[in-house]
């Protein structure tokens, strides 16, 4: 019996309702269905008193979600998609993302398009687009205190107020650099349209094999975004700040003190997005962010035929 999964945001009534409806529909056509909320993919927050507070990457998959699962339908907004990506990536399960939230930049379709999409899923009429992920670890004397799988970005900053931080950062085998800024971001191409974009970083197309280092409000005109190959690991050490906060994909995270080291590397796991038609990234940029939309209406004679 073929097997499918459904991950939904149970805080949204519409997502919960559609999840139950989909479960019944799959059952009627002979599919085994496993349901889960996205809660297991939301990262825990460690505290200075309890620095170890995380679920190992391989332990995030919900019951029934394994390598035999054909696909999973994700119902929610971008937060639910990010949580679901951490849950299913170690099993290699492709996900169809349905927007029941707000912007839904990472989602493939809207609820109104779901009936036809299910037909395509059941017949295998779709493509799979692969997205790079990053492993993030916090180490103290080479002991892993916290780790997470990241699709968008890792952010390291001071709390509770924004103020200057100093970092020593080593990319690959290159000489370490010193950056003074309110914080730093390491992001994937997928995350280049999230916090990185707001902080002044460039947009990277999803297939570019690169990562970005973005200083947040740097104290030097020379400190600008660095784009580097995703094969290069990154080590970040806070230099003179009593305590920093690290977040991953806008979710949980942990505290980082000067004796700690943040280590990032391209993950062996990837997020596999189901695309019902050939991916068109520029269309998404235009629809969601208004990129490339003319500011002045063109005369009729100048419009493309």
C-alpha atoms as a PDB file:
ATOM      1  CA  UNK A   1       0.000   0.000   0.000  1.00  0.00           C
ATOM      2  CA  UNK A   2       1.486   3.387  -0.999  1.00  0.00           C
ATOM      3  CA  UNK A   3       2.122   5.806   1.835  1.00  0.00           C
ATOM      4  CA  UNK A   4       1.705   9.588   2.119  1.00  0.00           C
ATOM      5  CA  UNK A   5       2.121  12.109   4.906  1.00  0.00           C
ATOM      6  CA  UNK A   6       0.359  15.309   5.951  1.00  0.00           C
ATOM      7  CA  UNK A   7       2.025  17.970   8.099  1.00  0.00           C
ATOM      8  CA  UNK A   8      -0.202  20.852   9.131  1.00  0.00           C
ATOM      9  CA  UNK A   9      -0.334  23.910  11.345  1.00  0.00           C
ATOM     10  CA  UNK A  10      -2.885  22.910  13.973  1.00  0.00           C
ATOM     11  CA  UNK A  11      -3.121  26.535  15.140  1.00  0.00           C
ATOM     12  CA  UNK A  12      -4.963  27.345  11.911  1.00  0.00           C
ATOM     13  CA  UNK A  13      -8.491  25.869  11.706  1.00  0.00           C
ATOM     14  CA  UNK A  14      -8.443  25.834   7.907  1.00  0.00           C
ATOM     15  CA  UNK A  15      -5.224  23.786   7.865  1.00  0.00           C
ATOM     16  CA  UNK A  16      -6.640  21.302  10.393  1.00  0.00           C
ATOM     17  CA  UNK A  17      -9.863  20.922   8.418  1.00  0.00           C
ATOM     18  CA  UNK A  18      -8.087  20.346   5.099  1.00  0.00           C
ATOM     19  CA  UNK A  19      -5.728  17.838   6.726  1.00  0.00           C
ATOM     20  CA  UNK A  20      -8.689  15.704   7.821  1.00  0.00           C
ATOM     21  CA  UNK A  21     -10.315  15.992   4.386  1.00  0.00           C
ATOM     22  CA  UNK A  22      -7.100  14.965   2.629  1.00  0.00           C
ATOM     23  CA  UNK A  23      -6.645  12.005   4.924  1.00  0.00           C
ATOM     24  CA  UNK A  24     -10.093  10.730   3.954  1.00  0.00           C
ATOM     25  CA  UNK A  25      -9.472  11.320   0.249  1.00  0.00           C
ATOM     26  CA  UNK A  26      -6.197   9.391   0.273  1.00  0.00           C
ATOM     27  CA  UNK A  27      -7.802   6.534   2.204  1.00  0.00           C
ATOM     28  CA  UNK A  28     -10.569   6.187  -0.390  1.00  0.00           C
ATOM     29  CA  UNK A  29      -8.002   5.608  -3.148  1.00  0.00           C
ATOM     30  CA  UNK A  30      -6.066   3.029  -1.142  1.00  0.00           C
ATOM     31  CA  UNK A  31      -3.259   5.092   0.366  1.00  0.00           C
ATOM     32  CA  UNK A  32      -1.937   4.774   3.903  1.00  0.00           C
ATOM     33  CA  UNK A  33      -1.755   8.246   5.488  1.00  0.00           C
ATOM     34  CA  UNK A  34       0.198   9.567   8.477  1.00  0.00           C
ATOM     35  CA  UNK A  35      -0.606  12.938  10.044  1.00  0.00           C
ATOM     36  CA  UNK A  36       1.627  15.197  12.092  1.00  0.00           C
ATOM     37  CA  UNK A  37       1.665  18.803  13.170  1.00  0.00           C
ATOM     38  CA  UNK A  38       4.691  20.950  12.446  1.00  0.00           C
ATOM     39  CA  UNK A  39       5.388  21.308  16.171  1.00  0.00           C
ATOM     40  CA  UNK A  40       8.116  18.643  16.193  1.00  0.00           C
ATOM     41  CA  UNK A  41      10.081  20.636  13.623  1.00  0.00           C
ATOM     42  CA  UNK A  42      10.016  23.828  15.695  1.00  0.00           C
ATOM     43  CA  UNK A  43      13.377  24.251  17.351  1.00  0.00           C
ATOM     44  CA  UNK A  44      13.654  24.341  21.113  1.00  0.00           C
ATOM     45  CA  UNK A  45      15.228  27.250  22.948  1.00  0.00           C
ATOM     46  CA  UNK A  46      18.032  26.492  25.347  1.00  0.00           C
ATOM     47  CA  UNK A  47      18.844  28.778  28.253  1.00  0.00           C
ATOM     48  CA  UNK A  48      22.122  29.638  30.006  1.00  0.00           C
ATOM     49  CA  UNK A  49      21.140  27.241  32.787  1.00  0.00           C
ATOM     50  CA  UNK A  50      20.214  24.397  30.410  1.00  0.00           C
ATOM     51  CA  UNK A  51      22.365  24.874  27.291  1.00  0.00           C
ATOM     52  CA  UNK A  52      21.578  21.437  25.872  1.00  0.00           C
ATOM     53  CA  UNK A  53      18.018  21.578  24.562  1.00  0.00           C
ATOM     54  CA  UNK A  54      17.561  20.060  21.117  1.00  0.00           C
ATOM     55  CA  UNK A  55      16.433  16.973  19.274  1.00  0.00           C
ATOM     56  CA  UNK A  56      19.131  15.329  17.127  1.00  0.00           C
ATOM     57  CA  UNK A  57      18.585  15.957  13.434  1.00  0.00           C
ATOM     58  CA  UNK A  58      17.908  12.296  12.692  1.00  0.00           C
ATOM     59  CA  UNK A  59      15.246  12.150  15.423  1.00  0.00           C
ATOM     60  CA  UNK A  60      12.885  14.815  14.072  1.00  0.00           C
ATOM     61  CA  UNK A  61      10.837  12.622  11.711  1.00  0.00           C
ATOM     62  CA  UNK A  62       7.259  12.047  12.991  1.00  0.00           C
ATOM     63  CA  UNK A  63       6.031   8.465  13.527  1.00  0.00           C
ATOM     64  CA  UNK A  64       5.397   6.726  10.211  1.00  0.00           C
ATOM     65  CA  UNK A  65       7.502   9.168   8.183  1.00  0.00           C
ATOM     66  CA  UNK A  66      10.340   7.205   6.601  1.00  0.00           C
ATOM     67  CA  UNK A  67      12.101   6.535   3.307  1.00  0.00           C
ATOM     68  CA  UNK A  68       9.108   4.481   2.063  1.00  0.00           C
ATOM     69  CA  UNK A  69       6.831   7.532   2.088  1.00  0.00           C
ATOM     70  CA  UNK A  70       6.045   8.778  -1.439  1.00  0.00           C
ATOM     71  CA  UNK A  71       5.426  12.414  -0.484  1.00  0.00           C
ATOM     72  CA  UNK A  72       4.020  14.688   2.212  1.00  0.00           C
ATOM     73  CA  UNK A  73       1.543  17.556   1.901  1.00  0.00           C
ATOM     74  CA  UNK A  74       2.388  20.553   4.088  1.00  0.00           C
ATOM     75  CA  UNK A  75      -0.474  22.879   5.093  1.00  0.00           C
ATOM     76  CA  UNK A  76       0.506  26.227   6.595  1.00  0.00           C
ATOM     77  CA  UNK A  77       2.657  29.271   6.017  1.00  0.00           C
ATOM     78  CA  UNK A  78       6.415  29.642   5.620  1.00  0.00           C
ATOM     79  CA  UNK A  79       7.022  28.783   9.292  1.00  0.00           C
ATOM     80  CA  UNK A  80       5.256  25.453   8.874  1.00  0.00           C
ATOM     81  CA  UNK A  81       7.219  24.752   5.684  1.00  0.00           C
ATOM     82  CA  UNK A  82      10.516  25.436   7.458  1.00  0.00           C
ATOM     83  CA  UNK A  83       9.523  23.181  10.353  1.00  0.00           C
ATOM     84  CA  UNK A  84       8.368  20.432   7.997  1.00  0.00           C
ATOM     85  CA  UNK A  85      11.609  20.594   6.004  1.00  0.00           C
ATOM     86  CA  UNK A  86      13.569  19.694   9.139  1.00  0.00           C
ATOM     87  CA  UNK A  87      11.216  16.797   9.859  1.00  0.00           C
ATOM     88  CA  UNK A  88      11.308  15.113   6.450  1.00  0.00           C
ATOM     89  CA  UNK A  89      14.707  16.000   4.944  1.00  0.00           C
ATOM     90  CA  UNK A  90      16.609  13.147   6.690  1.00  0.00           C
ATOM     91  CA  UNK A  91      14.129  10.701   5.100  1.00  0.00           C
ATOM     92  CA  UNK A  92      14.323  12.320   1.644  1.00  0.00           C
ATOM     93  CA  UNK A  93      10.529  12.825   1.472  1.00  0.00           C
ATOM     94  CA  UNK A  94       9.409  15.383  -1.155  1.00  0.00           C
ATOM     95  CA  UNK A  95       6.851  17.917   0.078  1.00  0.00           C
ATOM     96  CA  UNK A  96       3.957  19.701  -1.623  1.00  0.00           C
ATOM     97  CA  UNK A  97       3.488  23.013   0.178  1.00  0.00           C
ATOM     98  CA  UNK A  98       0.017  24.587   0.402  1.00  0.00           C
ATOM     99  CA  UNK A  99      -0.385  28.158   1.638  1.00  0.00           C
ATOM    100  CA  UNK A 100      -2.882  28.580   4.474  1.00  0.00           C
ATOM    101  CA  UNK A 101      -0.877  31.440   5.993  1.00  0.00           C
ATOM    102  CA  UNK A 102       0.029  34.938   4.812  1.00  0.00           C
ATOM    103  CA  UNK A 103       2.826  35.547   2.279  1.00  0.00           C
ATOM    104  CA  UNK A 104       3.699  31.906   1.750  1.00  0.00           C
ATOM    105  CA  UNK A 105       6.901  32.629  -0.174  1.00  0.00           C
ATOM    106  CA  UNK A 106       7.980  28.992   0.106  1.00  0.00           C
ATOM    107  CA  UNK A 107       4.601  27.506  -0.788  1.00  0.00           C
ATOM    108  CA  UNK A 108       3.704  26.018  -4.149  1.00  0.00           C
ATOM    109  CA  UNK A 109      -0.032  26.640  -4.330  1.00  0.00           C
ATOM    110  CA  UNK A 110      -3.149  27.989  -2.661  1.00  0.00           C
ATOM    111  CA  UNK A 111      -5.993  25.979  -1.127  1.00  0.00           C
ATOM    112  CA  UNK A 112      -8.248  26.619  -4.143  1.00  0.00           C
ATOM    113  CA  UNK A 113      -5.723  24.808  -6.364  1.00  0.00           C
ATOM    114  CA  UNK A 114      -5.505  21.731  -4.144  1.00  0.00           C
ATOM    115  CA  UNK A 115      -8.069  19.391  -5.835  1.00  0.00           C
ATOM    116  CA  UNK A 116      -6.219  19.403  -9.166  1.00  0.00           C
ATOM    117  CA  UNK A 117      -2.866  19.193  -7.366  1.00  0.00           C
ATOM    118  CA  UNK A 118      -3.910  15.989  -5.592  1.00  0.00           C
ATOM    119  CA  UNK A 119      -4.724  14.411  -8.949  1.00  0.00           C
ATOM    120  CA  UNK A 120      -1.223  15.248 -10.149  1.00  0.00           C
ATOM    121  CA  UNK A 121       0.294  13.840  -6.957  1.00  0.00           C
ATOM    122  CA  UNK A 122      -1.543  10.534  -7.291  1.00  0.00           C
ATOM    123  CA  UNK A 123      -0.408  10.117 -10.908  1.00  0.00           C
ATOM    124  CA  UNK A 124       3.171  11.249 -10.256  1.00  0.00           C
ATOM    125  CA  UNK A 125       2.775  14.211 -12.608  1.00  0.00           C
ATOM    126  CA  UNK A 126       5.246  16.575 -10.955  1.00  0.00           C
ATOM    127  CA  UNK A 127       8.891  17.601 -10.720  1.00  0.00           C
ATOM    128  CA  UNK A 128      11.097  17.744  -7.637  1.00  0.00           C
ATOM    129  CA  UNK A 129      13.290  20.753  -6.928  1.00  0.00           C
ATOM    130  CA  UNK A 130      16.177  20.284  -4.503  1.00  0.00           C
ATOM    131  CA  UNK A 131      17.244  23.006  -2.059  1.00  0.00           C
ATOM    132  CA  UNK A 132      20.486  23.159  -0.080  1.00  0.00           C
ATOM    133  CA  UNK A 133      20.355  22.913   3.711  1.00  0.00           C
ATOM    134  CA  UNK A 134      22.962  23.714   6.358  1.00  0.00           C
ATOM    135  CA  UNK A 135      23.909  21.956   9.589  1.00  0.00           C
ATOM    136  CA  UNK A 136      24.322  24.423  12.458  1.00  0.00           C
ATOM    137  CA  UNK A 137      26.132  23.447  15.658  1.00  0.00           C
ATOM    138  CA  UNK A 138      27.156  25.244  18.844  1.00  0.00           C
ATOM    139  CA  UNK A 139      30.262  23.673  20.350  1.00  0.00           C
ATOM    140  CA  UNK A 140      32.035  24.195  23.657  1.00  0.00           C
ATOM    141  CA  UNK A 141      35.424  22.500  23.874  1.00  0.00           C
ATOM    142  CA  UNK A 142      34.358  20.431  20.838  1.00  0.00           C
ATOM    143  CA  UNK A 143      31.246  19.114  22.621  1.00  0.00           C
ATOM    144  CA  UNK A 144      28.001  19.711  20.711  1.00  0.00           C
ATOM    145  CA  UNK A 145      25.652  21.756  22.909  1.00  0.00           C
ATOM    146  CA  UNK A 146      22.996  22.370  20.276  1.00  0.00           C
ATOM    147  CA  UNK A 147      22.399  21.569  16.621  1.00  0.00           C
ATOM    148  CA  UNK A 148      19.782  22.147  13.961  1.00  0.00           C
ATOM    149  CA  UNK A 149      19.063  21.656  10.291  1.00  0.00           C
ATOM    150  CA  UNK A 150      18.645  24.993   8.513  1.00  0.00           C
ATOM    151  CA  UNK A 151      16.880  25.793   5.231  1.00  0.00           C
ATOM    152  CA  UNK A 152      16.854  29.607   5.414  1.00  0.00           C
ATOM    153  CA  UNK A 153      19.363  31.216   7.754  1.00  0.00           C
ATOM    154  CA  UNK A 154      21.262  31.305  11.020  1.00  0.00           C
ATOM    155  CA  UNK A 155      21.296  34.636  12.878  1.00  0.00           C
ATOM    156  CA  UNK A 156      23.680  35.487  15.729  1.00  0.00           C
ATOM    157  CA  UNK A 157      23.048  38.710  17.657  1.00  0.00           C
ATOM    158  CA  UNK A 158      23.010  40.327  21.077  1.00  0.00           C
ATOM    159  CA  UNK A 159      20.025  40.587  23.415  1.00  0.00           C
ATOM    160  CA  UNK A 160      17.898  42.225  24.651  1.00  0.00           C
ATOM    161  CA  UNK A 161      18.888  45.413  22.810  1.00  0.00           C
ATOM    162  CA  UNK A 162      20.763  45.877  19.561  1.00  0.00           C
ATOM    163  CA  UNK A 163      24.367  46.891  20.205  1.00  0.00           C
ATOM    164  CA  UNK A 164      27.814  46.344  18.766  1.00  0.00           C
ATOM    165  CA  UNK A 165      29.195  42.807  18.734  1.00  0.00           C
ATOM    166  CA  UNK A 166      32.624  41.607  17.626  1.00  0.00           C
ATOM    167  CA  UNK A 167      33.069  38.331  15.783  1.00  0.00           C
ATOM    168  CA  UNK A 168      36.034  36.321  14.533  1.00  0.00           C
ATOM    169  CA  UNK A 169      34.873  34.439  11.457  1.00  0.00           C
ATOM    170  CA  UNK A 170      36.756  31.846   9.419  1.00  0.00           C
ATOM    171  CA  UNK A 171      35.374  30.698   6.057  1.00  0.00           C
ATOM    172  CA  UNK A 172      36.947  27.436   4.928  1.00  0.00           C
ATOM    173  CA  UNK A 173      40.729  27.550   5.139  1.00  0.00           C
ATOM    174  CA  UNK A 174      40.897  31.297   4.519  1.00  0.00           C
ATOM    175  CA  UNK A 175      42.399  33.638   7.088  1.00  0.00           C
ATOM    176  CA  UNK A 176      39.960  34.628   9.872  1.00  0.00           C
ATOM    177  CA  UNK A 177      38.286  38.016   9.597  1.00  0.00           C
ATOM    178  CA  UNK A 178      37.020  40.375  12.303  1.00  0.00           C
ATOM    179  CA  UNK A 179      33.575  41.909  11.967  1.00  0.00           C
ATOM    180  CA  UNK A 180      31.980  44.505  14.239  1.00  0.00           C
ATOM    181  CA  UNK A 181      28.215  44.635  13.755  1.00  0.00           C
ATOM    182  CA  UNK A 182      24.877  44.239  15.509  1.00  0.00           C
ATOM    183  CA  UNK A 183      24.963  40.615  14.406  1.00  0.00           C
ATOM    184  CA  UNK A 184      25.714  38.271  11.518  1.00  0.00           C
ATOM    185  CA  UNK A 185      23.615  36.119   9.204  1.00  0.00           C
ATOM    186  CA  UNK A 186      24.660  32.986   7.332  1.00  0.00           C
ATOM    187  CA  UNK A 187      22.056  32.073   4.736  1.00  0.00           C
ATOM    188  CA  UNK A 188      21.373  29.669   1.907  1.00  0.00           C
ATOM    189  CA  UNK A 189      20.043  30.702  -1.521  1.00  0.00           C
ATOM    190  CA  UNK A 190      16.566  29.838  -0.236  1.00  0.00           C
ATOM    191  CA  UNK A 191      17.112  32.205   2.698  1.00  0.00           C
ATOM    192  CA  UNK A 192      18.416  35.003   0.497  1.00  0.00           C
ATOM    193  CA  UNK A 193      14.839  36.294   0.148  1.00  0.00           C
ATOM    194  CA  UNK A 194      14.235  36.305   3.916  1.00  0.00           C
ATOM    195  CA  UNK A 195      16.139  38.138   6.686  1.00  0.00           C
ATOM    196  CA  UNK A 196      19.206  38.430   4.452  1.00  0.00           C
ATOM    197  CA  UNK A 197      17.254  40.502   1.926  1.00  0.00           C
ATOM    198  CA  UNK A 198      16.049  42.883   4.630  1.00  0.00           C
ATOM    199  CA  UNK A 199      19.639  43.256   5.854  1.00  0.00           C
ATOM    200  CA  UNK A 200      20.822  44.325   2.388  1.00  0.00           C
ATOM    201  CA  UNK A 201      22.034  41.003   1.007  1.00  0.00           C
ATOM    202  CA  UNK A 202      21.579  39.992  -2.650  1.00  0.00           C
ATOM    203  CA  UNK A 203      19.020  37.516  -3.936  1.00  0.00           C
ATOM    204  CA  UNK A 204      20.520  34.212  -5.041  1.00  0.00           C
ATOM    205  CA  UNK A 205      18.709  31.873  -7.386  1.00  0.00           C
ATOM    206  CA  UNK A 206      17.952  28.536  -5.683  1.00  0.00           C
ATOM    207  CA  UNK A 207      20.393  26.540  -7.816  1.00  0.00           C
ATOM    208  CA  UNK A 208      23.457  28.663  -7.030  1.00  0.00           C
ATOM    209  CA  UNK A 209      25.920  26.506  -5.015  1.00  0.00           C
ATOM    210  CA  UNK A 210      26.757  29.258  -2.544  1.00  0.00           C
ATOM    211  CA  UNK A 211      26.154  30.603   0.945  1.00  0.00           C
ATOM    212  CA  UNK A 212      26.148  34.200   2.179  1.00  0.00           C
ATOM    213  CA  UNK A 213      27.684  35.948   5.167  1.00  0.00           C
ATOM    214  CA  UNK A 214      25.792  39.181   5.929  1.00  0.00           C
ATOM    215  CA  UNK A 215      26.815  41.594   8.719  1.00  0.00           C
ATOM    216  CA  UNK A 216      23.802  43.276  10.356  1.00  0.00           C
ATOM    217  CA  UNK A 217      24.334  47.054  10.566  1.00  0.00           C
ATOM    218  CA  UNK A 218      28.158  46.782  10.396  1.00  0.00           C
ATOM    219  CA  UNK A 219      30.433  49.419  11.923  1.00  0.00           C
ATOM    220  CA  UNK A 220      32.593  49.624   8.807  1.00  0.00           C
ATOM    221  CA  UNK A 221      31.879  50.649   5.235  1.00  0.00           C
ATOM    222  CA  UNK A 222      34.090  47.748   4.153  1.00  0.00           C
ATOM    223  CA  UNK A 223      31.961  45.109   5.902  1.00  0.00           C
ATOM    224  CA  UNK A 224      29.580  43.937   3.216  1.00  0.00           C
ATOM    225  CA  UNK A 225      27.900  40.718   2.201  1.00  0.00           C
ATOM    226  CA  UNK A 226      30.257  37.904   1.244  1.00  0.00           C
ATOM    227  CA  UNK A 227      29.091  35.170  -1.147  1.00  0.00           C
ATOM    228  CA  UNK A 228      31.190  32.007  -1.004  1.00  0.00           C
ATOM    229  CA  UNK A 229      31.024  28.367  -2.184  1.00  0.00           C
ATOM    230  CA  UNK A 230      28.744  26.190  -0.087  1.00  0.00           C
ATOM    231  CA  UNK A 231      31.525  23.628   0.201  1.00  0.00           C
ATOM    232  CA  UNK A 232      33.317  25.992   2.601  1.00  0.00           C
ATOM    233  CA  UNK A 233      32.460  25.446   6.299  1.00  0.00           C
ATOM    234  CA  UNK A 234      32.166  28.467   8.594  1.00  0.00           C
ATOM    235  CA  UNK A 235      33.405  28.957  12.159  1.00  0.00           C
ATOM    236  CA  UNK A 236      32.170  31.947  14.189  1.00  0.00           C
ATOM    237  CA  UNK A 237      33.547  32.907  17.602  1.00  0.00           C
ATOM    238  CA  UNK A 238      32.142  35.861  19.595  1.00  0.00           C
ATOM    239  CA  UNK A 239      35.056  37.948  20.822  1.00  0.00           C
ATOM    240  CA  UNK A 240      34.023  40.349  23.552  1.00  0.00           C
ATOM    241  CA  UNK A 241      30.280  40.035  24.153  1.00  0.00           C
ATOM    242  CA  UNK A 242      29.060  38.419  27.396  1.00  0.00           C
ATOM    243  CA  UNK A 243      26.230  36.534  25.729  1.00  0.00           C
ATOM    244  CA  UNK A 244      24.649  36.266  22.281  1.00  0.00           C
ATOM    245  CA  UNK A 245      21.484  34.651  20.989  1.00  0.00           C
ATOM    246  CA  UNK A 246      21.440  32.382  17.947  1.00  0.00           C
ATOM    247  CA  UNK A 247      18.242  31.604  16.023  1.00  0.00           C
ATOM    248  CA  UNK A 248      17.751  29.294  13.058  1.00  0.00           C
ATOM    249  CA  UNK A 249      15.017  29.828  10.455  1.00  0.00           C
ATOM    250  CA  UNK A 250      13.326  32.346  12.745  1.00  0.00           C
ATOM    251  CA  UNK A 251      12.570  29.563  15.211  1.00  0.00           C
ATOM    252  CA  UNK A 252      14.302  28.479  18.417  1.00  0.00           C
ATOM    253  CA  UNK A 253      17.971  28.598  19.144  1.00  0.00           C
ATOM    254  CA  UNK A 254      20.450  28.876  21.949  1.00  0.00           C
ATOM    255  CA  UNK A 255      22.702  31.221  23.859  1.00  0.00           C
ATOM    256  CA  UNK A 256      26.313  31.601  22.748  1.00  0.00           C
ATOM    257  CA  UNK A 257      29.080  32.861  25.024  1.00  0.00           C
ATOM    258  CA  UNK A 258      32.701  33.758  24.139  1.00  0.00           C
ATOM    259  CA  UNK A 259      34.006  30.278  24.970  1.00  0.00           C
ATOM    260  CA  UNK A 260      31.570  28.781  22.410  1.00  0.00           C
ATOM    261  CA  UNK A 261      32.033  28.264  18.692  1.00  0.00           C
ATOM    262  CA  UNK A 262      29.289  28.265  16.046  1.00  0.00           C
ATOM    263  CA  UNK A 263      30.027  25.837  13.232  1.00  0.00           C
ATOM    264  CA  UNK A 264      28.104  25.659   9.951  1.00  0.00           C
ATOM    265  CA  UNK A 265      28.511  23.352   6.977  1.00  0.00           C
ATOM    266  CA  UNK A 266      26.444  22.254   4.007  1.00  0.00           C
ATOM    267  CA  UNK A 267      24.234  19.385   5.114  1.00  0.00           C
ATOM    268  CA  UNK A 268      24.100  15.966   3.520  1.00  0.00           C
ATOM    269  CA  UNK A 269      20.319  16.422   3.634  1.00  0.00           C
ATOM    270  CA  UNK A 270      18.277  18.535   1.246  1.00  0.00           C
ATOM    271  CA  UNK A 271      14.725  19.844   1.085  1.00  0.00           C
ATOM    272  CA  UNK A 272      12.845  18.378  -1.870  1.00  0.00           C
ATOM    273  CA  UNK A 273       9.985  20.613  -3.054  1.00  0.00           C
ATOM    274  CA  UNK A 274       7.300  19.173  -5.313  1.00  0.00           C
ATOM    275  CA  UNK A 275       6.665  21.451  -8.296  1.00  0.00           C
ATOM    276  CA  UNK A 276       3.475  20.919 -10.279  1.00  0.00           C
ATOM    277  CA  UNK A 277       4.951  22.884 -13.160  1.00  0.00           C
ATOM    278  CA  UNK A 278       8.494  23.899 -14.080  1.00  0.00           C
ATOM    279  CA  UNK A 279       9.891  26.185 -11.344  1.00  0.00           C
ATOM    280  CA  UNK A 280       9.917  29.875 -12.277  1.00  0.00           C
ATOM    281  CA  UNK A 281      11.738  31.791  -9.573  1.00  0.00           C
ATOM    282  CA  UNK A 282      11.371  35.220 -11.174  1.00  0.00           C
ATOM    283  CA  UNK A 283       7.596  34.792 -11.213  1.00  0.00           C
ATOM    284  CA  UNK A 284       7.657  34.111  -7.459  1.00  0.00           C
ATOM    285  CA  UNK A 285       9.816  37.195  -6.854  1.00  0.00           C
ATOM    286  CA  UNK A 286       7.386  39.280  -8.867  1.00  0.00           C
ATOM    287  CA  UNK A 287       4.236  37.896  -7.227  1.00  0.00           C
ATOM    288  CA  UNK A 288       5.443  37.874  -3.610  1.00  0.00           C
ATOM    289  CA  UNK A 289       7.952  40.745  -3.464  1.00  0.00           C
ATOM    290  CA  UNK A 290       7.043  42.943  -6.424  1.00  0.00           C
ATOM    291  CA  UNK A 291      10.456  42.436  -8.038  1.00  0.00           C
ATOM    292  CA  UNK A 292      10.666  43.607 -11.645  1.00  0.00           C
ATOM    293  CA  UNK A 293       7.270  45.296 -11.602  1.00  0.00           C
ATOM    294  CA  UNK A 294       7.500  48.548 -13.620  1.00  0.00           C
ATOM    295  CA  UNK A 295       7.041  51.707 -11.554  1.00  0.00           C
ATOM    296  CA  UNK A 296       5.633  53.581 -14.580  1.00  0.00           C
ATOM    297  CA  UNK A 297       2.911  52.111 -16.756  1.00  0.00           C
ATOM    298  CA  UNK A 298       4.085  51.492 -20.301  1.00  0.00           C
ATOM    299  CA  UNK A 299       2.181  53.031 -23.231  1.00  0.00           C
ATOM    300  CA  UNK A 300       0.115  50.522 -25.150  1.00  0.00           C
ATOM    301  CA  UNK A 301       2.376  50.868 -28.183  1.00  0.00           C
ATOM    302  CA  UNK A 302       5.365  49.745 -26.108  1.00  0.00           C
ATOM    303  CA  UNK A 303       3.796  46.659 -24.596  1.00  0.00           C
ATOM    304  CA  UNK A 304       5.010  43.264 -25.703  1.00  0.00           C
ATOM    305  CA  UNK A 305       2.705  41.486 -28.107  1.00  0.00           C
END
